[in-house]
């Protein structure tokens, strides 16, 4: 069986215009790998939303990354002030990864 290592999977739901800012924070804490996943629609406490192809006003993405616990904690600390002001949704979960030295 292939050996695995425990890491943190971090997902940040963010309005599209803020993606570059979030990626800069990810780089600032020295996390080298990340992906941006476009989201078509969703819902939450404030109701449903759907991407508007014309204006992009409600467009959202998920910034997805895997990191060790130390870097995940650093990123959480950096993003904490933005959670309310920018309506971010930040989730962190334990995952098992193959080739843990890459994260």
PDB file of N, CA and C in Angstrom:
ATOM      1  N   UNK A   1       0.835  -1.188   0.000  1.00  0.00           N
ATOM      2  CA  UNK A   1       0.000   0.000   0.000  1.00  0.00           C
ATOM      3  C   UNK A   1       0.883   1.255   0.000  1.00  0.00           C
ATOM      4  N   UNK A   2       0.474   2.251  -0.734  1.00  0.00           N
ATOM      5  CA  UNK A   2       1.215   3.506  -0.831  1.00  0.00           C
ATOM      6  C   UNK A   2       1.047   4.285   0.469  1.00  0.00           C
ATOM      7  N   UNK A   3       2.127   4.847   0.968  1.00  0.00           N
ATOM      8  CA  UNK A   3       2.084   5.632   2.196  1.00  0.00           C
ATOM      9  C   UNK A   3       1.437   6.996   1.947  1.00  0.00           C
ATOM     10  N   UNK A   4       0.677   7.447   2.919  1.00  0.00           N
ATOM     11  CA  UNK A   4       0.047   8.773   2.842  1.00  0.00           C
ATOM     12  C   UNK A   4       0.485   9.610   4.025  1.00  0.00           C
ATOM     13  N   UNK A   5       0.289  10.918   3.893  1.00  0.00           N
ATOM     14  CA  UNK A   5       0.640  11.880   4.930  1.00  0.00           C
ATOM     15  C   UNK A   5      -0.569  12.770   5.156  1.00  0.00           C
ATOM     16  N   UNK A   6      -0.822  13.136   6.406  1.00  0.00           N
ATOM     17  CA  UNK A   6      -1.946  14.018   6.713  1.00  0.00           C
ATOM     18  C   UNK A   6      -1.579  15.468   6.409  1.00  0.00           C
ATOM     19  N   UNK A   7      -2.448  16.120   5.671  1.00  0.00           N
ATOM     20  CA  UNK A   7      -2.317  17.546   5.354  1.00  0.00           C
ATOM     21  C   UNK A   7      -3.676  18.214   5.526  1.00  0.00           C
ATOM     22  N   UNK A   8      -3.733  19.511   5.296  1.00  0.00           N
ATOM     23  CA  UNK A   8      -4.964  20.284   5.397  1.00  0.00           C
ATOM     24  C   UNK A   8      -5.449  20.663   4.004  1.00  0.00           C
ATOM     25  N   UNK A   9      -6.726  20.417   3.751  1.00  0.00           N
ATOM     26  CA  UNK A   9      -7.371  20.860   2.508  1.00  0.00           C
ATOM     27  C   UNK A   9      -8.125  22.135   2.858  1.00  0.00           C
ATOM     28  N   UNK A  10      -7.805  23.196   2.159  1.00  0.00           N
ATOM     29  CA  UNK A  10      -8.387  24.510   2.434  1.00  0.00           C
ATOM     30  C   UNK A  10      -9.195  24.943   1.225  1.00  0.00           C
ATOM     31  N   UNK A  11     -10.433  25.350   1.475  1.00  0.00           N
ATOM     32  CA  UNK A  11     -11.298  25.874   0.427  1.00  0.00           C
ATOM     33  C   UNK A  11     -11.770  27.261   0.852  1.00  0.00           C
ATOM     34  N   UNK A  12     -11.635  28.214  -0.057  1.00  0.00           N
ATOM     35  CA  UNK A  12     -12.036  29.591   0.216  1.00  0.00           C
ATOM     36  C   UNK A  12     -13.025  30.013  -0.865  1.00  0.00           C
ATOM     37  N   UNK A  13     -14.287  30.210  -0.480  1.00  0.00           N
ATOM     38  CA  UNK A  13     -15.298  30.704  -1.410  1.00  0.00           C
ATOM     39  C   UNK A  13     -15.204  32.218  -1.412  1.00  0.00           C
ATOM     40  N   UNK A  14     -15.013  32.797  -2.604  1.00  0.00           N
ATOM     41  CA  UNK A  14     -14.710  34.215  -2.711  1.00  0.00           C
ATOM     42  C   UNK A  14     -15.326  34.791  -3.980  1.00  0.00           C
ATOM     43  N   UNK A  15     -15.693  36.059  -3.947  1.00  0.00           N
ATOM     44  CA  UNK A  15     -16.145  36.748  -5.151  1.00  0.00           C
ATOM     45  C   UNK A  15     -14.976  36.813  -6.137  1.00  0.00           C
ATOM     46  N   UNK A  16     -15.254  36.599  -7.406  1.00  0.00           N
ATOM     47  CA  UNK A  16     -14.191  36.531  -8.413  1.00  0.00           C
ATOM     48  C   UNK A  16     -13.214  37.706  -8.401  1.00  0.00           C
ATOM     49  N   UNK A  17     -13.684  38.957  -8.225  1.00  0.00           N
ATOM     50  CA  UNK A  17     -12.714  40.053  -8.242  1.00  0.00           C
ATOM     51  C   UNK A  17     -11.662  39.966  -7.125  1.00  0.00           C
ATOM     52  N   UNK A  18     -11.949  39.195  -6.065  1.00  0.00           N
ATOM     53  CA  UNK A  18     -11.013  39.088  -4.945  1.00  0.00           C
ATOM     54  C   UNK A  18     -10.037  37.915  -5.073  1.00  0.00           C
ATOM     55  N   UNK A  19     -10.209  37.085  -6.093  1.00  0.00           N
ATOM     56  CA  UNK A  19      -9.338  35.917  -6.248  1.00  0.00           C
ATOM     57  C   UNK A  19      -7.858  36.301  -6.280  1.00  0.00           C
ATOM     58  N   UNK A  20      -7.439  37.304  -7.051  1.00  0.00           N
ATOM     59  CA  UNK A  20      -6.005  37.649  -7.045  1.00  0.00           C
ATOM     60  C   UNK A  20      -5.487  38.045  -5.659  1.00  0.00           C
ATOM     61  N   UNK A  21      -6.303  38.729  -4.884  1.00  0.00           N
ATOM     62  CA  UNK A  21      -5.901  39.123  -3.530  1.00  0.00           C
ATOM     63  C   UNK A  21      -5.710  37.885  -2.648  1.00  0.00           C
ATOM     64  N   UNK A  22      -6.625  36.930  -2.752  1.00  0.00           N
ATOM     65  CA  UNK A  22      -6.518  35.703  -1.965  1.00  0.00           C
ATOM     66  C   UNK A  22      -5.281  34.916  -2.392  1.00  0.00           C
ATOM     67  N   UNK A  23      -5.039  34.816  -3.677  1.00  0.00           N
ATOM     68  CA  UNK A  23      -3.861  34.102  -4.174  1.00  0.00           C
ATOM     69  C   UNK A  23      -2.585  34.771  -3.674  1.00  0.00           C
ATOM     70  N   UNK A  24      -2.564  36.091  -3.594  1.00  0.00           N
ATOM     71  CA  UNK A  24      -1.391  36.787  -3.045  1.00  0.00           C
ATOM     72  C   UNK A  24      -1.158  36.402  -1.589  1.00  0.00           C
ATOM     73  N   UNK A  25      -2.236  36.272  -0.807  1.00  0.00           N
ATOM     74  CA  UNK A  25      -2.088  35.827   0.580  1.00  0.00           C
ATOM     75  C   UNK A  25      -1.573  34.394   0.645  1.00  0.00           C
ATOM     76  N   UNK A  26      -2.050  33.545  -0.247  1.00  0.00           N
ATOM     77  CA  UNK A  26      -1.579  32.157  -0.301  1.00  0.00           C
ATOM     78  C   UNK A  26      -0.075  32.140  -0.566  1.00  0.00           C
ATOM     79  N   UNK A  27       0.372  32.926  -1.526  1.00  0.00           N
ATOM     80  CA  UNK A  27       1.803  33.007  -1.825  1.00  0.00           C
ATOM     81  C   UNK A  27       2.598  33.611  -0.673  1.00  0.00           C
ATOM     82  N   UNK A  28       1.995  34.581   0.012  1.00  0.00           N
ATOM     83  CA  UNK A  28       2.665  35.256   1.124  1.00  0.00           C
ATOM     84  C   UNK A  28       3.055  34.281   2.240  1.00  0.00           C
ATOM     85  N   UNK A  29       2.229  33.261   2.465  1.00  0.00           N
ATOM     86  CA  UNK A  29       2.550  32.270   3.497  1.00  0.00           C
ATOM     87  C   UNK A  29       3.286  31.070   2.921  1.00  0.00           C
ATOM     88  N   UNK A  30       3.769  31.214   1.679  1.00  0.00           N
ATOM     89  CA  UNK A  30       4.631  30.228   1.028  1.00  0.00           C
ATOM     90  C   UNK A  30       3.931  28.909   0.722  1.00  0.00           C
ATOM     91  N   UNK A  31       2.665  29.003   0.305  1.00  0.00           N
ATOM     92  CA  UNK A  31       1.970  27.833  -0.213  1.00  0.00           C
ATOM     93  C   UNK A  31       2.063  27.931  -1.733  1.00  0.00           C
ATOM     94  N   UNK A  32       2.704  26.951  -2.342  1.00  0.00           N
ATOM     95  CA  UNK A  32       3.045  27.088  -3.762  1.00  0.00           C
ATOM     96  C   UNK A  32       1.960  26.594  -4.715  1.00  0.00           C
ATOM     97  N   UNK A  33       1.095  25.695  -4.276  1.00  0.00           N
ATOM     98  CA  UNK A  33       0.098  25.132  -5.179  1.00  0.00           C
ATOM     99  C   UNK A  33      -1.314  25.522  -4.796  1.00  0.00           C
ATOM    100  N   UNK A  34      -2.093  25.911  -5.792  1.00  0.00           N
ATOM    101  CA  UNK A  34      -3.495  26.286  -5.567  1.00  0.00           C
ATOM    102  C   UNK A  34      -4.247  26.153  -6.883  1.00  0.00           C
ATOM    103  N   UNK A  35      -5.554  26.023  -6.780  1.00  0.00           N
ATOM    104  CA  UNK A  35      -6.417  25.957  -7.963  1.00  0.00           C
ATOM    105  C   UNK A  35      -7.614  26.871  -7.737  1.00  0.00           C
ATOM    106  N   UNK A  36      -8.136  27.408  -8.832  1.00  0.00           N
ATOM    107  CA  UNK A  36      -9.341  28.239  -8.770  1.00  0.00           C
ATOM    108  C   UNK A  36     -10.438  27.495  -9.523  1.00  0.00           C
ATOM    109  N   UNK A  37     -11.549  27.282  -8.837  1.00  0.00           N
ATOM    110  CA  UNK A  37     -12.684  26.573  -9.406  1.00  0.00           C
ATOM    111  C   UNK A  37     -13.853  27.557  -9.504  1.00  0.00           C
ATOM    112  N   UNK A  38     -14.358  27.769 -10.712  1.00  0.00           N
ATOM    113  CA  UNK A  38     -15.485  28.683 -10.922  1.00  0.00           C
ATOM    114  C   UNK A  38     -16.775  28.022 -10.437  1.00  0.00           C
ATOM    115  N   UNK A  39     -17.628  28.801  -9.771  1.00  0.00           N
ATOM    116  CA  UNK A  39     -18.884  28.308  -9.225  1.00  0.00           C
ATOM    117  C   UNK A  39     -20.039  28.958  -9.985  1.00  0.00           C
ATOM    118  N   UNK A  40     -21.007  28.161 -10.435  1.00  0.00           N
ATOM    119  CA  UNK A  40     -22.114  28.671 -11.245  1.00  0.00           C
ATOM    120  C   UNK A  40     -23.244  29.250 -10.406  1.00  0.00           C
ATOM    121  N   UNK A  41     -23.549  28.636  -9.266  1.00  0.00           N
ATOM    122  CA  UNK A  41     -24.643  29.124  -8.429  1.00  0.00           C
ATOM    123  C   UNK A  41     -24.519  28.524  -7.044  1.00  0.00           C
ATOM    124  N   UNK A  42     -25.313  29.045  -6.118  1.00  0.00           N
ATOM    125  CA  UNK A  42     -25.292  28.533  -4.758  1.00  0.00           C
ATOM    126  C   UNK A  42     -26.342  29.213  -3.920  1.00  0.00           C
ATOM    127  N   UNK A  43     -26.275  28.986  -2.640  1.00  0.00           N
ATOM    128  CA  UNK A  43     -27.215  29.595  -1.719  1.00  0.00           C
ATOM    129  C   UNK A  43     -26.620  29.617  -0.331  1.00  0.00           C
ATOM    130  N   UNK A  44     -27.151  30.475   0.494  1.00  0.00           N
ATOM    131  CA  UNK A  44     -26.656  30.594   1.858  1.00  0.00           C
ATOM    132  C   UNK A  44     -27.635  31.358   2.712  1.00  0.00           C
ATOM    133  N   UNK A  45     -27.135  31.891   3.803  1.00  0.00           N
ATOM    134  CA  UNK A  45     -27.963  32.613   4.761  1.00  0.00           C
ATOM    135  C   UNK A  45     -28.717  33.770   4.108  1.00  0.00           C
ATOM    136  N   UNK A  46     -28.094  34.404   3.129  1.00  0.00           N
ATOM    137  CA  UNK A  46     -28.722  35.548   2.458  1.00  0.00           C
ATOM    138  C   UNK A  46     -29.543  35.142   1.238  1.00  0.00           C
ATOM    139  N   UNK A  47     -29.736  33.848   1.024  1.00  0.00           N
ATOM    140  CA  UNK A  47     -30.540  33.385  -0.100  1.00  0.00           C
ATOM    141  C   UNK A  47     -29.699  32.802  -1.220  1.00  0.00           C
ATOM    142  N   UNK A  48     -30.376  32.549  -2.331  1.00  0.00           N
ATOM    143  CA  UNK A  48     -29.712  31.960  -3.496  1.00  0.00           C
ATOM    144  C   UNK A  48     -29.013  33.031  -4.326  1.00  0.00           C
ATOM    145  N   UNK A  49     -28.010  32.604  -5.045  1.00  0.00           N
ATOM    146  CA  UNK A  49     -27.337  33.478  -5.996  1.00  0.00           C
ATOM    147  C   UNK A  49     -26.974  32.645  -7.219  1.00  0.00           C
ATOM    148  N   UNK A  50     -26.807  33.326  -8.309  1.00  0.00           N
ATOM    149  CA  UNK A  50     -26.440  32.660  -9.553  1.00  0.00           C
ATOM    150  C   UNK A  50     -25.561  33.606 -10.348  1.00  0.00           C
ATOM    151  N   UNK A  51     -24.573  33.049 -11.002  1.00  0.00           N
ATOM    152  CA  UNK A  51     -23.681  33.882 -11.800  1.00  0.00           C
ATOM    153  C   UNK A  51     -24.465  34.597 -12.887  1.00  0.00           C
ATOM    154  N   UNK A  52     -24.217  35.881 -13.022  1.00  0.00           N
ATOM    155  CA  UNK A  52     -24.824  36.698 -14.068  1.00  0.00           C
ATOM    156  C   UNK A  52     -23.779  36.865 -15.156  1.00  0.00           C
ATOM    157  N   UNK A  53     -23.969  36.210 -16.279  1.00  0.00           N
ATOM    158  CA  UNK A  53     -22.988  36.236 -17.360  1.00  0.00           C
ATOM    159  C   UNK A  53     -22.750  37.636 -17.915  1.00  0.00           C
ATOM    160  N   UNK A  54     -23.728  38.528 -17.774  1.00  0.00           N
ATOM    161  CA  UNK A  54     -23.592  39.866 -18.335  1.00  0.00           C
ATOM    162  C   UNK A  54     -22.681  40.730 -17.465  1.00  0.00           C
ATOM    163  N   UNK A  55     -23.021  40.851 -16.179  1.00  0.00           N
ATOM    164  CA  UNK A  55     -22.255  41.755 -15.318  1.00  0.00           C
ATOM    165  C   UNK A  55     -21.196  41.034 -14.490  1.00  0.00           C
ATOM    166  N   UNK A  56     -21.401  39.753 -14.222  1.00  0.00           N
ATOM    167  CA  UNK A  56     -20.470  39.028 -13.363  1.00  0.00           C
ATOM    168  C   UNK A  56     -20.592  39.431 -11.910  1.00  0.00           C
ATOM    169  N   UNK A  57     -21.664  40.152 -11.571  1.00  0.00           N
ATOM    170  CA  UNK A  57     -21.821  40.716 -10.230  1.00  0.00           C
ATOM    171  C   UNK A  57     -21.841  39.660  -9.138  1.00  0.00           C
ATOM    172  N   UNK A  58     -22.411  38.505  -9.417  1.00  0.00           N
ATOM    173  CA  UNK A  58     -22.521  37.477  -8.386  1.00  0.00           C
ATOM    174  C   UNK A  58     -21.536  36.331  -8.610  1.00  0.00           C
ATOM    175  N   UNK A  59     -20.561  36.505  -9.479  1.00  0.00           N
ATOM    176  CA  UNK A  59     -19.625  35.437  -9.808  1.00  0.00           C
ATOM    177  C   UNK A  59     -18.746  35.092  -8.615  1.00  0.00           C
ATOM    178  N   UNK A  60     -18.631  33.805  -8.352  1.00  0.00           N
ATOM    179  CA  UNK A  60     -17.815  33.333  -7.236  1.00  0.00           C
ATOM    180  C   UNK A  60     -16.902  32.210  -7.693  1.00  0.00           C
ATOM    181  N   UNK A  61     -15.847  32.011  -6.926  1.00  0.00           N
ATOM    182  CA  UNK A  61     -14.904  30.922  -7.172  1.00  0.00           C
ATOM    183  C   UNK A  61     -14.508  30.308  -5.846  1.00  0.00           C
ATOM    184  N   UNK A  62     -13.965  29.109  -5.930  1.00  0.00           N
ATOM    185  CA  UNK A  62     -13.340  28.487  -4.772  1.00  0.00           C
ATOM    186  C   UNK A  62     -11.846  28.426  -5.053  1.00  0.00           C
ATOM    187  N   UNK A  63     -11.064  28.941  -4.136  1.00  0.00           N
ATOM    188  CA  UNK A  63      -9.616  28.773  -4.189  1.00  0.00           C
ATOM    189  C   UNK A  63      -9.330  27.539  -3.340  1.00  0.00           C
ATOM    190  N   UNK A  64      -8.760  26.519  -3.954  1.00  0.00           N
ATOM    191  CA  UNK A  64      -8.526  25.231  -3.317  1.00  0.00           C
ATOM    192  C   UNK A  64      -7.035  24.992  -3.188  1.00  0.00           C
ATOM    193  N   UNK A  65      -6.603  24.554  -2.020  1.00  0.00           N
ATOM    194  CA  UNK A  65      -5.195  24.254  -1.830  1.00  0.00           C
ATOM    195  C   UNK A  65      -5.002  23.205  -0.754  1.00  0.00           C
ATOM    196  N   UNK A  66      -3.846  22.594  -0.759  1.00  0.00           N
ATOM    197  CA  UNK A  66      -3.432  21.615   0.241  1.00  0.00           C
ATOM    198  C   UNK A  66      -2.157  22.159   0.875  1.00  0.00           C
ATOM    199  N   UNK A  67      -2.077  22.091   2.203  1.00  0.00           N
ATOM    200  CA  UNK A  67      -0.904  22.616   2.899  1.00  0.00           C
ATOM    201  C   UNK A  67      -0.662  21.824   4.180  1.00  0.00           C
ATOM    202  N   UNK A  68       0.541  21.959   4.720  1.00  0.00           N
ATOM    203  CA  UNK A  68       0.784  21.370   6.027  1.00  0.00           C
ATOM    204  C   UNK A  68       0.085  22.229   7.089  1.00  0.00           C
ATOM    205  N   UNK A  69       0.009  21.719   8.287  1.00  0.00           N
ATOM    206  CA  UNK A  69      -0.753  22.395   9.343  1.00  0.00           C
ATOM    207  C   UNK A  69      -0.208  23.789   9.663  1.00  0.00           C
ATOM    208  N   UNK A  70       1.102  23.926   9.691  1.00  0.00           N
ATOM    209  CA  UNK A  70       1.709  25.220  10.008  1.00  0.00           C
ATOM    210  C   UNK A  70       1.311  26.290   8.991  1.00  0.00           C
ATOM    211  N   UNK A  71       1.428  25.975   7.718  1.00  0.00           N
ATOM    212  CA  UNK A  71       1.071  26.952   6.684  1.00  0.00           C
ATOM    213  C   UNK A  71      -0.438  27.194   6.636  1.00  0.00           C
ATOM    214  N   UNK A  72      -1.229  26.166   6.917  1.00  0.00           N
ATOM    215  CA  UNK A  72      -2.686  26.343   6.973  1.00  0.00           C
ATOM    216  C   UNK A  72      -3.051  27.313   8.092  1.00  0.00           C
ATOM    217  N   UNK A  73      -2.394  27.180   9.231  1.00  0.00           N
ATOM    218  CA  UNK A  73      -2.641  28.106  10.348  1.00  0.00           C
ATOM    219  C   UNK A  73      -2.220  29.524  10.004  1.00  0.00           C
ATOM    220  N   UNK A  74      -1.086  29.663   9.335  1.00  0.00           N
ATOM    221  CA  UNK A  74      -0.629  30.997   8.929  1.00  0.00           C
ATOM    222  C   UNK A  74      -1.622  31.644   7.975  1.00  0.00           C
ATOM    223  N   UNK A  75      -2.123  30.872   7.017  1.00  0.00           N
ATOM    224  CA  UNK A  75      -3.087  31.415   6.065  1.00  0.00           C
ATOM    225  C   UNK A  75      -4.382  31.806   6.767  1.00  0.00           C
ATOM    226  N   UNK A  76      -4.835  30.986   7.687  1.00  0.00           N
ATOM    227  CA  UNK A  76      -6.050  31.305   8.444  1.00  0.00           C
ATOM    228  C   UNK A  76      -5.881  32.618   9.197  1.00  0.00           C
ATOM    229  N   UNK A  77      -4.741  32.812   9.825  1.00  0.00           N
ATOM    230  CA  UNK A  77      -4.475  34.060  10.556  1.00  0.00           C
ATOM    231  C   UNK A  77      -4.491  35.267   9.626  1.00  0.00           C
ATOM    232  N   UNK A  78      -3.912  35.120   8.442  1.00  0.00           N
ATOM    233  CA  UNK A  78      -3.861  36.222   7.480  1.00  0.00           C
ATOM    234  C   UNK A  78      -5.256  36.545   6.936  1.00  0.00           C
ATOM    235  N   UNK A  79      -6.066  35.514   6.704  1.00  0.00           N
ATOM    236  CA  UNK A  79      -7.395  35.720   6.121  1.00  0.00           C
ATOM    237  C   UNK A  79      -8.457  36.113   7.138  1.00  0.00           C
ATOM    238  N   UNK A  80      -8.223  35.874   8.424  1.00  0.00           N
ATOM    239  CA  UNK A  80      -9.240  36.121   9.455  1.00  0.00           C
ATOM    240  C   UNK A  80      -9.876  37.512   9.372  1.00  0.00           C
ATOM    241  N   UNK A  81      -9.103  38.587   9.186  1.00  0.00           N
ATOM    242  CA  UNK A  81      -9.737  39.907   9.107  1.00  0.00           C
ATOM    243  C   UNK A  81     -10.661  40.087   7.898  1.00  0.00           C
ATOM    244  N   UNK A  82     -10.495  39.267   6.863  1.00  0.00           N
ATOM    245  CA  UNK A  82     -11.301  39.400   5.651  1.00  0.00           C
ATOM    246  C   UNK A  82     -12.585  38.571   5.677  1.00  0.00           C
ATOM    247  N   UNK A  83     -12.712  37.670   6.629  1.00  0.00           N
ATOM    248  CA  UNK A  83     -13.851  36.760   6.627  1.00  0.00           C
ATOM    249  C   UNK A  83     -15.175  37.505   6.627  1.00  0.00           C
ATOM    250  N   UNK A  84     -15.332  38.476   7.512  1.00  0.00           N
ATOM    251  CA  UNK A  84     -16.578  39.248   7.571  1.00  0.00           C
ATOM    252  C   UNK A  84     -16.612  40.360   6.538  1.00  0.00           C
ATOM    253  N   UNK A  85     -15.525  41.112   6.439  1.00  0.00           N
ATOM    254  CA  UNK A  85     -15.533  42.281   5.551  1.00  0.00           C
ATOM    255  C   UNK A  85     -15.696  41.901   4.076  1.00  0.00           C
ATOM    256  N   UNK A  86     -15.239  40.715   3.690  1.00  0.00           N
ATOM    257  CA  UNK A  86     -15.327  40.291   2.295  1.00  0.00           C
ATOM    258  C   UNK A  86     -16.233  39.072   2.109  1.00  0.00           C
ATOM    259  N   UNK A  87     -16.970  38.712   3.156  1.00  0.00           N
ATOM    260  CA  UNK A  87     -17.918  37.580   3.114  1.00  0.00           C
ATOM    261  C   UNK A  87     -17.286  36.302   2.583  1.00  0.00           C
ATOM    262  N   UNK A  88     -16.094  35.992   3.072  1.00  0.00           N
ATOM    263  CA  UNK A  88     -15.430  34.763   2.661  1.00  0.00           C
ATOM    264  C   UNK A  88     -15.994  33.572   3.417  1.00  0.00           C
ATOM    265  N   UNK A  89     -16.009  32.427   2.776  1.00  0.00           N
ATOM    266  CA  UNK A  89     -16.293  31.165   3.444  1.00  0.00           C
ATOM    267  C   UNK A  89     -15.003  30.371   3.405  1.00  0.00           C
ATOM    268  N   UNK A  90     -14.463  30.058   4.566  1.00  0.00           N
ATOM    269  CA  UNK A  90     -13.186  29.359   4.675  1.00  0.00           C
ATOM    270  C   UNK A  90     -13.425  28.031   5.376  1.00  0.00           C
ATOM    271  N   UNK A  91     -13.082  26.933   4.706  1.00  0.00           N
ATOM    272  CA  UNK A  91     -13.188  25.621   5.330  1.00  0.00           C
ATOM    273  C   UNK A  91     -11.826  24.946   5.293  1.00  0.00           C
ATOM    274  N   UNK A  92     -11.564  24.168   6.344  1.00  0.00           N
ATOM    275  CA  UNK A  92     -10.304  23.436   6.456  1.00  0.00           C
ATOM    276  C   UNK A  92     -10.642  22.028   6.927  1.00  0.00           C
ATOM    277  N   UNK A  93     -10.088  21.039   6.244  1.00  0.00           N
ATOM    278  CA  UNK A  93     -10.337  19.642   6.610  1.00  0.00           C
ATOM    279  C   UNK A  93      -9.039  18.853   6.546  1.00  0.00           C
ATOM    280  N   UNK A  94      -8.975  17.804   7.343  1.00  0.00           N
ATOM    281  CA  UNK A  94      -7.842  16.895   7.272  1.00  0.00           C
ATOM    282  C   UNK A  94      -8.010  15.984   6.068  1.00  0.00           C
ATOM    283  N   UNK A  95      -6.924  15.784   5.335  1.00  0.00           N
ATOM    284  CA  UNK A  95      -6.913  14.857   4.207  1.00  0.00           C
ATOM    285  C   UNK A  95      -5.632  14.043   4.248  1.00  0.00           C
ATOM    286  N   UNK A  96      -5.673  12.902   3.608  1.00  0.00           N
ATOM    287  CA  UNK A  96      -4.491  12.065   3.442  1.00  0.00           C
ATOM    288  C   UNK A  96      -4.030  12.225   2.002  1.00  0.00           C
ATOM    289  N   UNK A  97      -2.761  12.556   1.812  1.00  0.00           N
ATOM    290  CA  UNK A  97      -2.239  12.746   0.464  1.00  0.00           C
ATOM    291  C   UNK A  97      -1.056  11.817   0.211  1.00  0.00           C
ATOM    292  N   UNK A  98      -0.903  11.447  -1.038  1.00  0.00           N
ATOM    293  CA  UNK A  98       0.269  10.706  -1.487  1.00  0.00           C
ATOM    294  C   UNK A  98       1.301  11.764  -1.889  1.00  0.00           C
ATOM    295  N   UNK A  99       2.555  11.502  -1.684  1.00  0.00           N
ATOM    296  CA  UNK A  99       3.640  12.458  -1.976  1.00  0.00           C
ATOM    297  C   UNK A  99       3.506  13.718  -1.114  1.00  0.00           C
ATOM    298  N   UNK A 100       3.363  13.511   0.176  1.00  0.00           N
ATOM    299  CA  UNK A 100       3.176  14.606   1.122  1.00  0.00           C
ATOM    300  C   UNK A 100       4.280  15.638   1.130  1.00  0.00           C
ATOM    301  N   UNK A 101       5.472  15.281   0.645  1.00  0.00           N
ATOM    302  CA  UNK A 101       6.576  16.232   0.609  1.00  0.00           C
ATOM    303  C   UNK A 101       6.283  17.406  -0.343  1.00  0.00           C
ATOM    304  N   UNK A 102       5.301  17.255  -1.218  1.00  0.00           N
ATOM    305  CA  UNK A 102       4.956  18.328  -2.150  1.00  0.00           C
ATOM    306  C   UNK A 102       4.073  19.384  -1.505  1.00  0.00           C
ATOM    307  N   UNK A 103       3.565  19.098  -0.317  1.00  0.00           N
ATOM    308  CA  UNK A 103       2.630  20.025   0.337  1.00  0.00           C
ATOM    309  C   UNK A 103       3.193  20.472   1.666  1.00  0.00           C
TER     310      UNK A 103
END
